[in-house]
């Protein structure tokens, strides 16, 4: 009887915590969607934003190919991913998702520059991640993410971003020193 009671109370606590977290997440998503005028959607259907919009890092910018567009980053609904959207008129494009095997925590900086000398506007992001494993798993580390512009779209190369991050170890990654390392390693 005692084992069942303990299990029942434990089970109740887990369910309560889950429902509270789900309610809080839905309220945050609704509040953010109302302040930005864009919808959030867990389904990931084309034309819909997946996750909570990071409005502090949402910008209009002039792309060399598409002209005036909007950059929209979101924290995925599963809280493990960074999603990047580009809105051109009524078209919504999701850029390739960084799949670096780490847990996304925070977006620190965004810049729009030509970093490879081809005359096209590239996107440079500095994001914080944690490994969520081991004794130091909750300590965030910065990682530069490079989206290289082509005439058709943006390409994300996991290896470039990880290689640049590995050259830092404990240093603080910024847009400028991330670009310097990118150029030193790949050009």
N, C-alpha and C. Protein backbone atom coordinates (compact mmCIF):
# COMPACT_ATOMS: atom_id res chain seq x y z
N UNK A 1 0.82 -1.19 0.00
CA UNK A 1 0.00 0.00 0.00
C UNK A 1 0.87 1.26 0.00
N UNK A 2 1.93 1.27 0.82
CA UNK A 2 2.81 2.44 0.86
C UNK A 2 3.48 2.68 -0.48
N UNK A 3 3.93 1.61 -1.14
CA UNK A 3 4.57 1.75 -2.45
C UNK A 3 3.61 2.36 -3.46
N UNK A 4 2.36 1.89 -3.46
CA UNK A 4 1.37 2.41 -4.39
C UNK A 4 1.11 3.90 -4.11
N UNK A 5 1.00 4.26 -2.83
CA UNK A 5 0.74 5.66 -2.47
C UNK A 5 1.89 6.55 -2.91
N UNK A 6 3.11 6.10 -2.64
CA UNK A 6 4.26 6.90 -3.06
C UNK A 6 4.29 7.05 -4.57
N UNK A 7 4.03 5.97 -5.28
CA UNK A 7 4.02 6.03 -6.74
C UNK A 7 2.92 6.95 -7.22
N UNK A 8 1.74 6.84 -6.60
CA UNK A 8 0.62 7.69 -6.99
C UNK A 8 0.91 9.16 -6.79
N UNK A 9 1.52 9.52 -5.66
CA UNK A 9 1.87 10.92 -5.41
C UNK A 9 2.93 11.40 -6.38
N UNK A 10 3.91 10.57 -6.63
CA UNK A 10 4.96 10.92 -7.59
C UNK A 10 4.36 11.14 -8.96
N UNK A 11 3.49 10.23 -9.37
CA UNK A 11 2.84 10.33 -10.68
C UNK A 11 2.03 11.62 -10.77
N UNK A 12 1.31 11.94 -9.70
CA UNK A 12 0.52 13.16 -9.69
C UNK A 12 1.41 14.40 -9.83
N UNK A 13 2.54 14.42 -9.13
CA UNK A 13 3.45 15.56 -9.20
C UNK A 13 4.01 15.75 -10.60
N UNK A 14 4.40 14.68 -11.25
CA UNK A 14 4.93 14.76 -12.61
C UNK A 14 3.87 15.30 -13.57
N UNK A 15 2.65 14.81 -13.44
CA UNK A 15 1.56 15.29 -14.32
C UNK A 15 1.29 16.77 -14.04
N UNK A 16 1.26 17.16 -12.79
CA UNK A 16 1.01 18.57 -12.45
C UNK A 16 2.09 19.47 -13.04
N UNK A 17 3.33 19.06 -12.90
CA UNK A 17 4.44 19.86 -13.44
C UNK A 17 4.34 19.95 -14.95
N UNK A 18 4.03 18.82 -15.61
CA UNK A 18 3.90 18.81 -17.06
C UNK A 18 2.78 19.76 -17.51
N UNK A 19 1.62 19.68 -16.85
CA UNK A 19 0.49 20.54 -17.24
C UNK A 19 0.82 22.02 -17.00
N UNK A 20 1.48 22.33 -15.89
CA UNK A 20 1.88 23.71 -15.63
C UNK A 20 2.82 24.21 -16.72
N UNK A 21 3.83 23.39 -17.07
CA UNK A 21 4.79 23.78 -18.10
C UNK A 21 4.09 23.97 -19.44
N UNK A 22 3.18 23.07 -19.79
CA UNK A 22 2.46 23.17 -21.05
C UNK A 22 1.60 24.43 -21.08
N UNK A 23 0.88 24.70 -19.99
CA UNK A 23 0.04 25.90 -19.92
C UNK A 23 0.90 27.16 -20.05
N UNK A 24 2.02 27.20 -19.33
CA UNK A 24 2.91 28.36 -19.38
C UNK A 24 3.45 28.57 -20.78
N UNK A 25 3.88 27.48 -21.43
CA UNK A 25 4.42 27.59 -22.79
C UNK A 25 3.36 28.11 -23.74
N UNK A 26 2.14 27.59 -23.66
CA UNK A 26 1.06 28.04 -24.55
C UNK A 26 0.76 29.52 -24.33
N UNK A 27 0.74 29.96 -23.07
CA UNK A 27 0.47 31.36 -22.78
C UNK A 27 1.57 32.25 -23.34
N UNK A 28 2.83 31.86 -23.17
CA UNK A 28 3.95 32.64 -23.70
C UNK A 28 3.84 32.72 -25.21
N UNK A 29 3.57 31.58 -25.88
CA UNK A 29 3.46 31.58 -27.34
C UNK A 29 2.34 32.52 -27.79
N UNK A 30 1.20 32.47 -27.10
CA UNK A 30 0.07 33.31 -27.47
C UNK A 30 0.43 34.79 -27.28
N UNK A 31 1.06 35.13 -26.14
CA UNK A 31 1.45 36.51 -25.88
C UNK A 31 2.44 37.01 -26.92
N UNK A 32 3.45 36.20 -27.25
CA UNK A 32 4.45 36.61 -28.24
C UNK A 32 3.81 36.76 -29.60
N UNK A 33 2.94 35.82 -29.99
CA UNK A 33 2.27 35.91 -31.28
C UNK A 33 1.43 37.17 -31.37
N UNK A 34 0.76 37.53 -30.28
CA UNK A 34 -0.06 38.73 -30.29
C UNK A 34 0.77 40.00 -30.41
N UNK A 35 1.98 40.01 -29.86
CA UNK A 35 2.79 41.22 -29.93
C UNK A 35 3.51 41.36 -31.26
N UNK A 36 3.72 40.27 -31.98
CA UNK A 36 4.45 40.35 -33.24
C UNK A 36 3.54 40.34 -34.46
N UNK A 37 2.29 39.93 -34.28
CA UNK A 37 1.38 39.85 -35.42
C UNK A 37 1.56 38.59 -36.24
N UNK A 38 2.44 37.69 -35.82
CA UNK A 38 2.65 36.43 -36.53
C UNK A 38 2.11 35.29 -35.69
N UNK A 39 1.75 34.22 -36.34
CA UNK A 39 1.20 33.06 -35.64
C UNK A 39 2.30 32.07 -35.27
N UNK A 40 2.10 31.38 -34.16
CA UNK A 40 2.97 30.26 -33.84
C UNK A 40 2.19 28.98 -34.11
N UNK A 41 2.91 27.95 -34.49
CA UNK A 41 2.25 26.72 -34.86
C UNK A 41 3.18 25.55 -34.60
N UNK A 42 2.69 24.53 -33.89
CA UNK A 42 3.51 23.36 -33.60
C UNK A 42 3.61 22.42 -34.79
N UNK A 43 2.73 22.55 -35.76
CA UNK A 43 2.71 21.58 -36.86
C UNK A 43 3.85 21.78 -37.84
N UNK A 44 4.39 22.98 -37.92
CA UNK A 44 5.47 23.23 -38.86
C UNK A 44 4.99 23.32 -40.30
N UNK A 45 3.69 23.49 -40.51
CA UNK A 45 3.16 23.60 -41.87
C UNK A 45 3.78 24.80 -42.56
N UNK A 46 4.02 24.69 -43.90
CA UNK A 46 4.55 25.84 -44.63
C UNK A 46 3.65 27.06 -44.43
N UNK A 47 4.27 28.20 -44.27
CA UNK A 47 3.51 29.43 -44.09
C UNK A 47 3.23 29.75 -42.63
N UNK A 48 3.58 28.86 -41.73
CA UNK A 48 3.36 29.10 -40.31
C UNK A 48 4.68 29.08 -39.56
N UNK A 49 4.74 29.87 -38.52
CA UNK A 49 5.93 29.95 -37.68
C UNK A 49 5.86 28.84 -36.64
N UNK A 50 6.97 28.11 -36.46
CA UNK A 50 7.04 27.06 -35.45
C UNK A 50 7.84 27.59 -34.27
N UNK A 51 7.22 27.67 -33.11
CA UNK A 51 7.94 28.07 -31.91
C UNK A 51 7.62 29.48 -31.47
N UNK A 52 8.36 29.92 -30.48
CA UNK A 52 8.18 31.25 -29.90
C UNK A 52 9.13 32.21 -30.61
N UNK A 53 8.57 33.28 -31.15
CA UNK A 53 9.37 34.26 -31.89
C UNK A 53 10.28 35.02 -30.92
N UNK A 54 11.55 35.10 -31.27
CA UNK A 54 12.53 35.85 -30.48
C UNK A 54 12.53 37.29 -31.00
N UNK A 55 11.56 38.08 -30.53
CA UNK A 55 11.32 39.40 -31.11
C UNK A 55 12.49 40.36 -30.98
N UNK A 56 13.33 40.18 -29.97
CA UNK A 56 14.50 41.04 -29.80
C UNK A 56 15.45 40.91 -30.99
N UNK A 57 15.42 39.78 -31.67
CA UNK A 57 16.32 39.53 -32.80
C UNK A 57 15.58 39.41 -34.13
N UNK A 58 14.38 39.97 -34.21
CA UNK A 58 13.61 39.97 -35.45
C UNK A 58 13.87 41.31 -36.15
N UNK A 59 14.35 41.22 -37.41
CA UNK A 59 14.77 42.43 -38.12
C UNK A 59 14.28 42.44 -39.56
N UNK A 60 14.08 43.64 -40.09
CA UNK A 60 13.96 43.82 -41.53
C UNK A 60 15.37 44.10 -42.05
N UNK A 61 15.71 43.53 -43.19
CA UNK A 61 17.00 43.85 -43.80
C UNK A 61 16.90 43.74 -45.30
N UNK A 62 17.85 44.37 -45.98
CA UNK A 62 17.85 44.40 -47.44
C UNK A 62 18.77 43.30 -47.96
N UNK A 63 18.17 42.25 -48.49
CA UNK A 63 18.93 41.13 -49.04
C UNK A 63 19.34 41.46 -50.47
N UNK A 64 20.53 41.03 -50.87
CA UNK A 64 21.04 41.34 -52.21
C UNK A 64 20.25 40.65 -53.32
N UNK A 65 19.53 39.58 -53.01
CA UNK A 65 18.75 38.87 -54.03
C UNK A 65 17.26 39.20 -53.94
N UNK A 66 16.68 39.14 -52.74
CA UNK A 66 15.24 39.30 -52.58
C UNK A 66 14.80 40.73 -52.27
N UNK A 67 15.72 41.60 -51.91
CA UNK A 67 15.34 42.96 -51.53
C UNK A 67 14.99 43.02 -50.05
N UNK A 68 13.98 43.84 -49.70
CA UNK A 68 13.61 44.03 -48.30
C UNK A 68 12.87 42.82 -47.77
N UNK A 69 13.44 42.15 -46.78
CA UNK A 69 12.83 40.95 -46.19
C UNK A 69 12.93 41.04 -44.67
N UNK A 70 12.24 40.12 -44.00
CA UNK A 70 12.23 40.09 -42.54
C UNK A 70 12.90 38.81 -42.05
N UNK A 71 13.80 38.95 -41.10
CA UNK A 71 14.51 37.84 -40.45
C UNK A 71 13.77 37.53 -39.15
N UNK A 72 13.29 36.28 -39.01
CA UNK A 72 12.50 35.90 -37.84
C UNK A 72 13.08 34.63 -37.21
N UNK A 73 13.77 34.75 -36.08
CA UNK A 73 14.24 33.56 -35.37
C UNK A 73 13.21 33.12 -34.33
N UNK A 74 13.11 31.81 -34.10
CA UNK A 74 12.22 31.31 -33.06
C UNK A 74 12.91 30.23 -32.24
N UNK A 75 12.43 30.08 -31.01
CA UNK A 75 12.83 28.96 -30.15
C UNK A 75 11.79 27.89 -30.42
N UNK A 76 12.22 26.73 -30.92
CA UNK A 76 11.29 25.66 -31.26
C UNK A 76 10.41 25.26 -30.10
N UNK A 77 9.22 24.76 -30.40
CA UNK A 77 8.29 24.36 -29.36
C UNK A 77 8.83 23.27 -28.45
N UNK A 78 9.79 22.50 -28.94
CA UNK A 78 10.37 21.45 -28.11
C UNK A 78 11.51 21.98 -27.25
N UNK A 79 11.81 23.27 -27.34
CA UNK A 79 12.87 23.94 -26.60
C UNK A 79 14.25 23.34 -26.85
N UNK A 80 14.42 22.68 -27.96
CA UNK A 80 15.75 22.16 -28.29
C UNK A 80 16.30 22.75 -29.56
N UNK A 81 15.53 23.54 -30.27
CA UNK A 81 16.02 24.00 -31.55
C UNK A 81 15.82 25.46 -31.84
N UNK A 82 16.71 25.97 -32.65
CA UNK A 82 16.62 27.32 -33.18
C UNK A 82 16.08 27.20 -34.60
N UNK A 83 15.01 27.92 -34.87
CA UNK A 83 14.44 27.97 -36.22
C UNK A 83 14.69 29.37 -36.76
N UNK A 84 15.05 29.46 -38.04
CA UNK A 84 15.27 30.76 -38.68
C UNK A 84 14.33 30.85 -39.88
N UNK A 85 13.53 31.91 -39.90
CA UNK A 85 12.60 32.15 -41.00
C UNK A 85 12.95 33.45 -41.70
N UNK A 86 12.70 33.48 -43.00
CA UNK A 86 12.82 34.69 -43.80
C UNK A 86 11.44 34.94 -44.39
N UNK A 87 10.91 36.15 -44.18
CA UNK A 87 9.60 36.49 -44.73
C UNK A 87 9.80 37.51 -45.84
N UNK A 88 9.40 37.12 -47.05
CA UNK A 88 9.47 38.00 -48.22
C UNK A 88 8.04 38.19 -48.71
N UNK A 89 7.51 39.40 -48.58
CA UNK A 89 6.10 39.68 -48.88
C UNK A 89 5.24 38.70 -48.11
N UNK A 90 4.50 37.83 -48.79
CA UNK A 90 3.66 36.84 -48.12
C UNK A 90 4.32 35.47 -48.04
N UNK A 91 5.51 35.33 -48.61
CA UNK A 91 6.21 34.04 -48.59
C UNK A 91 7.03 33.89 -47.32
N UNK A 92 6.94 32.72 -46.70
CA UNK A 92 7.71 32.42 -45.50
C UNK A 92 8.64 31.25 -45.80
N UNK A 93 9.93 31.48 -45.63
CA UNK A 93 10.95 30.47 -45.93
C UNK A 93 11.63 30.09 -44.63
N UNK A 94 11.71 28.78 -44.33
CA UNK A 94 12.48 28.34 -43.17
C UNK A 94 13.86 27.92 -43.65
N UNK A 95 14.89 28.54 -43.09
CA UNK A 95 16.26 28.18 -43.44
C UNK A 95 16.60 26.83 -42.81
N UNK A 96 17.62 26.16 -43.34
CA UNK A 96 18.01 24.86 -42.76
C UNK A 96 18.30 25.02 -41.27
N UNK A 97 17.82 24.05 -40.48
CA UNK A 97 18.00 24.11 -39.03
C UNK A 97 19.38 23.64 -38.63
N UNK A 98 20.02 24.38 -37.72
CA UNK A 98 21.29 23.90 -37.20
C UNK A 98 21.08 22.57 -36.48
N UNK A 99 21.81 21.55 -36.86
CA UNK A 99 21.71 20.25 -36.22
C UNK A 99 23.08 19.91 -35.66
N UNK A 100 23.41 20.53 -34.55
CA UNK A 100 24.76 20.39 -34.02
C UNK A 100 24.83 19.50 -32.79
N UNK A 101 23.73 18.86 -32.44
CA UNK A 101 23.73 17.92 -31.33
C UNK A 101 23.83 18.56 -29.96
N UNK A 102 23.45 19.82 -29.85
CA UNK A 102 23.48 20.53 -28.57
C UNK A 102 22.12 21.16 -28.33
N UNK A 103 21.85 21.56 -27.10
CA UNK A 103 20.57 22.16 -26.75
C UNK A 103 20.66 23.68 -26.88
N UNK A 104 19.81 24.26 -27.74
CA UNK A 104 19.77 25.71 -27.94
C UNK A 104 19.25 26.38 -26.67
N UNK A 105 19.95 27.44 -26.24
CA UNK A 105 19.56 28.18 -25.04
C UNK A 105 19.17 29.62 -25.32
N UNK A 106 19.96 30.32 -26.16
CA UNK A 106 19.76 31.76 -26.29
C UNK A 106 20.38 32.25 -27.60
N UNK A 107 19.78 33.27 -28.17
CA UNK A 107 20.34 33.94 -29.34
C UNK A 107 21.01 35.22 -28.85
N UNK A 108 22.32 35.34 -29.08
CA UNK A 108 23.07 36.48 -28.56
C UNK A 108 23.21 37.62 -29.55
N UNK A 109 23.44 37.30 -30.84
CA UNK A 109 23.69 38.36 -31.83
C UNK A 109 23.37 37.87 -33.23
N UNK A 110 23.00 38.82 -34.09
CA UNK A 110 22.71 38.54 -35.50
C UNK A 110 23.34 39.66 -36.33
N UNK A 111 23.94 39.30 -37.46
CA UNK A 111 24.50 40.31 -38.38
C UNK A 111 24.26 39.85 -39.81
N UNK A 112 24.17 40.82 -40.70
CA UNK A 112 23.97 40.56 -42.13
C UNK A 112 25.13 41.19 -42.87
N UNK A 113 26.07 40.35 -43.33
CA UNK A 113 27.28 40.85 -44.00
C UNK A 113 27.71 39.86 -45.07
N UNK A 114 28.49 40.36 -46.01
CA UNK A 114 29.12 39.49 -47.01
C UNK A 114 30.44 39.00 -46.41
N UNK A 115 30.47 37.75 -45.95
CA UNK A 115 31.69 37.27 -45.29
C UNK A 115 32.60 36.46 -46.21
N UNK A 116 32.09 36.07 -47.38
CA UNK A 116 32.94 35.27 -48.27
C UNK A 116 33.31 36.00 -49.56
N UNK A 117 32.99 37.31 -49.65
CA UNK A 117 33.44 38.13 -50.77
C UNK A 117 32.74 37.89 -52.09
N UNK A 118 31.53 37.30 -52.08
CA UNK A 118 30.82 37.05 -53.33
C UNK A 118 29.79 38.12 -53.66
N UNK A 119 29.70 39.17 -52.82
CA UNK A 119 28.76 40.25 -53.07
C UNK A 119 27.34 39.98 -52.58
N UNK A 120 27.10 38.83 -51.96
CA UNK A 120 25.77 38.47 -51.45
C UNK A 120 25.75 38.58 -49.93
N UNK A 121 24.59 38.94 -49.37
CA UNK A 121 24.46 39.15 -47.94
C UNK A 121 24.31 37.82 -47.21
N UNK A 122 25.31 37.48 -46.39
CA UNK A 122 25.27 36.27 -45.57
C UNK A 122 24.68 36.62 -44.21
N UNK A 123 24.24 35.60 -43.48
CA UNK A 123 23.69 35.80 -42.14
C UNK A 123 24.64 35.14 -41.14
N UNK A 124 25.05 35.90 -40.14
CA UNK A 124 25.93 35.40 -39.09
C UNK A 124 25.17 35.50 -37.78
N UNK A 125 25.13 34.40 -37.04
CA UNK A 125 24.41 34.34 -35.78
C UNK A 125 25.37 33.85 -34.70
N UNK A 126 25.28 34.42 -33.52
CA UNK A 126 25.97 33.86 -32.36
C UNK A 126 24.88 33.37 -31.41
N UNK A 127 24.87 32.06 -31.17
CA UNK A 127 23.86 31.43 -30.32
C UNK A 127 24.54 30.74 -29.14
N UNK A 128 23.82 30.63 -28.05
CA UNK A 128 24.32 29.89 -26.89
C UNK A 128 23.66 28.53 -26.84
N UNK A 129 24.48 27.52 -26.55
CA UNK A 129 24.01 26.14 -26.43
C UNK A 129 24.54 25.55 -25.13
N UNK A 130 23.92 24.46 -24.70
CA UNK A 130 24.47 23.62 -23.63
C UNK A 130 24.47 22.19 -24.14
N UNK A 131 25.34 21.38 -23.55
CA UNK A 131 25.36 19.97 -23.94
C UNK A 131 24.31 19.18 -23.19
N UNK A 132 23.88 19.68 -22.02
CA UNK A 132 22.89 19.03 -21.16
C UNK A 132 23.35 17.65 -20.70
N UNK A 133 24.66 17.40 -20.76
CA UNK A 133 25.22 16.11 -20.35
C UNK A 133 26.41 16.36 -19.44
N UNK A 134 26.49 15.62 -18.36
CA UNK A 134 27.66 15.67 -17.49
C UNK A 134 27.63 16.84 -16.52
N UNK A 135 28.69 16.95 -15.71
CA UNK A 135 28.73 17.98 -14.67
C UNK A 135 28.76 19.40 -15.21
N UNK A 136 29.26 19.61 -16.40
CA UNK A 136 29.29 20.96 -16.99
C UNK A 136 28.23 21.13 -18.07
N UNK A 137 27.30 20.21 -18.14
CA UNK A 137 26.30 20.22 -19.20
C UNK A 137 25.35 21.40 -19.19
N UNK A 138 25.24 22.07 -18.04
CA UNK A 138 24.33 23.22 -17.98
C UNK A 138 25.06 24.56 -18.14
N UNK A 139 26.35 24.51 -18.42
CA UNK A 139 27.11 25.74 -18.65
C UNK A 139 27.02 26.11 -20.13
N UNK A 140 26.42 27.28 -20.45
CA UNK A 140 26.27 27.64 -21.86
C UNK A 140 27.59 28.01 -22.52
N UNK A 141 27.67 27.71 -23.81
CA UNK A 141 28.82 28.12 -24.61
C UNK A 141 28.30 28.75 -25.89
N UNK A 142 29.06 29.70 -26.41
CA UNK A 142 28.65 30.41 -27.63
C UNK A 142 29.14 29.67 -28.86
N UNK A 143 28.34 29.74 -29.91
CA UNK A 143 28.71 29.13 -31.17
C UNK A 143 28.28 30.04 -32.31
N UNK A 144 29.19 30.33 -33.25
CA UNK A 144 28.78 31.11 -34.42
C UNK A 144 28.09 30.19 -35.43
N UNK A 145 27.05 30.69 -36.04
CA UNK A 145 26.33 29.95 -37.09
C UNK A 145 26.40 30.79 -38.36
N UNK A 146 26.84 30.18 -39.45
CA UNK A 146 27.02 30.90 -40.71
C UNK A 146 26.03 30.39 -41.75
N UNK A 147 25.18 31.29 -42.25
CA UNK A 147 24.30 30.99 -43.37
C UNK A 147 24.86 31.73 -44.57
N UNK A 148 25.40 30.99 -45.52
CA UNK A 148 26.05 31.58 -46.69
C UNK A 148 25.01 31.73 -47.80
N UNK A 149 24.90 32.95 -48.33
CA UNK A 149 23.90 33.26 -49.37
C UNK A 149 24.38 32.77 -50.72
N UNK A 150 23.48 32.10 -51.44
CA UNK A 150 23.70 31.78 -52.85
C UNK A 150 22.65 32.56 -53.63
N UNK A 151 22.65 32.44 -54.95
CA UNK A 151 21.64 33.16 -55.73
C UNK A 151 20.24 32.59 -55.52
N UNK A 152 20.15 31.35 -55.02
CA UNK A 152 18.85 30.72 -54.80
C UNK A 152 18.39 30.76 -53.34
N UNK A 153 19.30 30.52 -52.40
CA UNK A 153 18.91 30.42 -50.99
C UNK A 153 20.11 30.61 -50.08
N UNK A 154 19.96 30.24 -48.82
CA UNK A 154 21.05 30.29 -47.85
C UNK A 154 21.46 28.86 -47.53
N UNK A 155 22.76 28.62 -47.43
CA UNK A 155 23.27 27.30 -47.08
C UNK A 155 23.86 27.36 -45.68
N UNK A 156 23.56 26.36 -44.87
CA UNK A 156 24.15 26.25 -43.54
C UNK A 156 25.03 25.02 -43.53
N UNK A 157 26.28 25.21 -43.10
CA UNK A 157 27.21 24.08 -43.02
C UNK A 157 27.59 23.88 -41.56
N UNK A 158 27.09 22.78 -40.98
CA UNK A 158 27.38 22.47 -39.57
C UNK A 158 28.88 22.46 -39.31
N UNK A 159 29.64 21.90 -40.23
CA UNK A 159 31.08 21.73 -40.01
C UNK A 159 31.79 23.07 -39.88
N UNK A 160 31.41 24.07 -40.68
CA UNK A 160 32.04 25.39 -40.57
C UNK A 160 31.78 26.00 -39.21
N UNK A 161 30.55 25.96 -38.77
CA UNK A 161 30.20 26.56 -37.48
C UNK A 161 30.90 25.85 -36.33
N UNK A 162 30.91 24.53 -36.36
CA UNK A 162 31.55 23.76 -35.29
C UNK A 162 33.06 23.97 -35.30
N UNK A 163 33.69 24.00 -36.48
CA UNK A 163 35.14 24.21 -36.56
C UNK A 163 35.53 25.57 -36.01
N UNK A 164 34.77 26.60 -36.34
CA UNK A 164 35.07 27.93 -35.82
C UNK A 164 34.89 27.93 -34.31
N UNK A 165 33.84 27.30 -33.81
CA UNK A 165 33.60 27.24 -32.36
C UNK A 165 34.75 26.53 -31.66
N UNK A 166 35.26 25.46 -32.24
CA UNK A 166 36.34 24.68 -31.63
C UNK A 166 37.63 25.48 -31.49
N UNK A 167 37.83 26.50 -32.32
CA UNK A 167 39.05 27.30 -32.22
C UNK A 167 39.00 28.26 -31.04
N UNK A 168 37.85 28.40 -30.41
CA UNK A 168 37.69 29.34 -29.30
C UNK A 168 37.93 28.75 -27.93
N UNK A 169 37.49 27.53 -27.73
CA UNK A 169 37.51 26.89 -26.41
C UNK A 169 36.75 27.77 -25.41
N UNK A 170 37.43 28.51 -24.57
CA UNK A 170 36.77 29.28 -23.52
C UNK A 170 36.52 30.74 -23.89
N UNK A 171 36.96 31.17 -25.07
CA UNK A 171 36.79 32.57 -25.45
C UNK A 171 35.33 32.91 -25.69
N UNK A 172 35.03 34.20 -25.62
CA UNK A 172 33.69 34.68 -25.92
C UNK A 172 33.57 34.90 -27.43
N UNK A 173 32.63 34.23 -28.05
CA UNK A 173 32.43 34.36 -29.49
C UNK A 173 31.58 35.60 -29.75
N UNK A 174 32.04 36.43 -30.70
CA UNK A 174 31.27 37.59 -31.14
C UNK A 174 31.11 37.50 -32.65
N UNK A 175 30.30 38.38 -33.21
CA UNK A 175 30.14 38.41 -34.67
C UNK A 175 31.49 38.65 -35.33
N UNK A 176 32.21 39.68 -34.88
CA UNK A 176 33.47 40.05 -35.54
C UNK A 176 34.55 38.98 -35.42
N UNK A 177 34.78 38.43 -34.21
CA UNK A 177 35.83 37.41 -34.14
C UNK A 177 35.39 36.09 -34.76
N UNK A 178 34.08 35.84 -34.81
CA UNK A 178 33.58 34.67 -35.53
C UNK A 178 33.87 34.76 -37.03
N UNK A 179 33.66 35.95 -37.60
CA UNK A 179 33.95 36.17 -39.03
C UNK A 179 35.44 36.04 -39.28
N UNK A 180 36.27 36.60 -38.40
CA UNK A 180 37.73 36.48 -38.55
C UNK A 180 38.15 35.02 -38.60
N UNK A 181 37.66 34.21 -37.66
CA UNK A 181 38.02 32.79 -37.63
C UNK A 181 37.50 32.07 -38.87
N UNK A 182 36.27 32.43 -39.31
CA UNK A 182 35.70 31.83 -40.51
C UNK A 182 36.61 32.07 -41.70
N UNK A 183 37.02 33.32 -41.88
CA UNK A 183 37.88 33.67 -43.02
C UNK A 183 39.24 32.99 -42.90
N UNK A 184 39.79 32.91 -41.70
CA UNK A 184 41.11 32.28 -41.51
C UNK A 184 41.05 30.78 -41.81
N UNK A 185 39.96 30.13 -41.47
CA UNK A 185 39.85 28.68 -41.67
C UNK A 185 39.45 28.30 -43.10
N UNK A 186 38.66 29.15 -43.76
CA UNK A 186 38.06 28.72 -45.03
C UNK A 186 38.42 29.56 -46.24
N UNK A 187 39.31 30.53 -46.09
CA UNK A 187 39.67 31.33 -47.27
C UNK A 187 41.14 31.61 -47.30
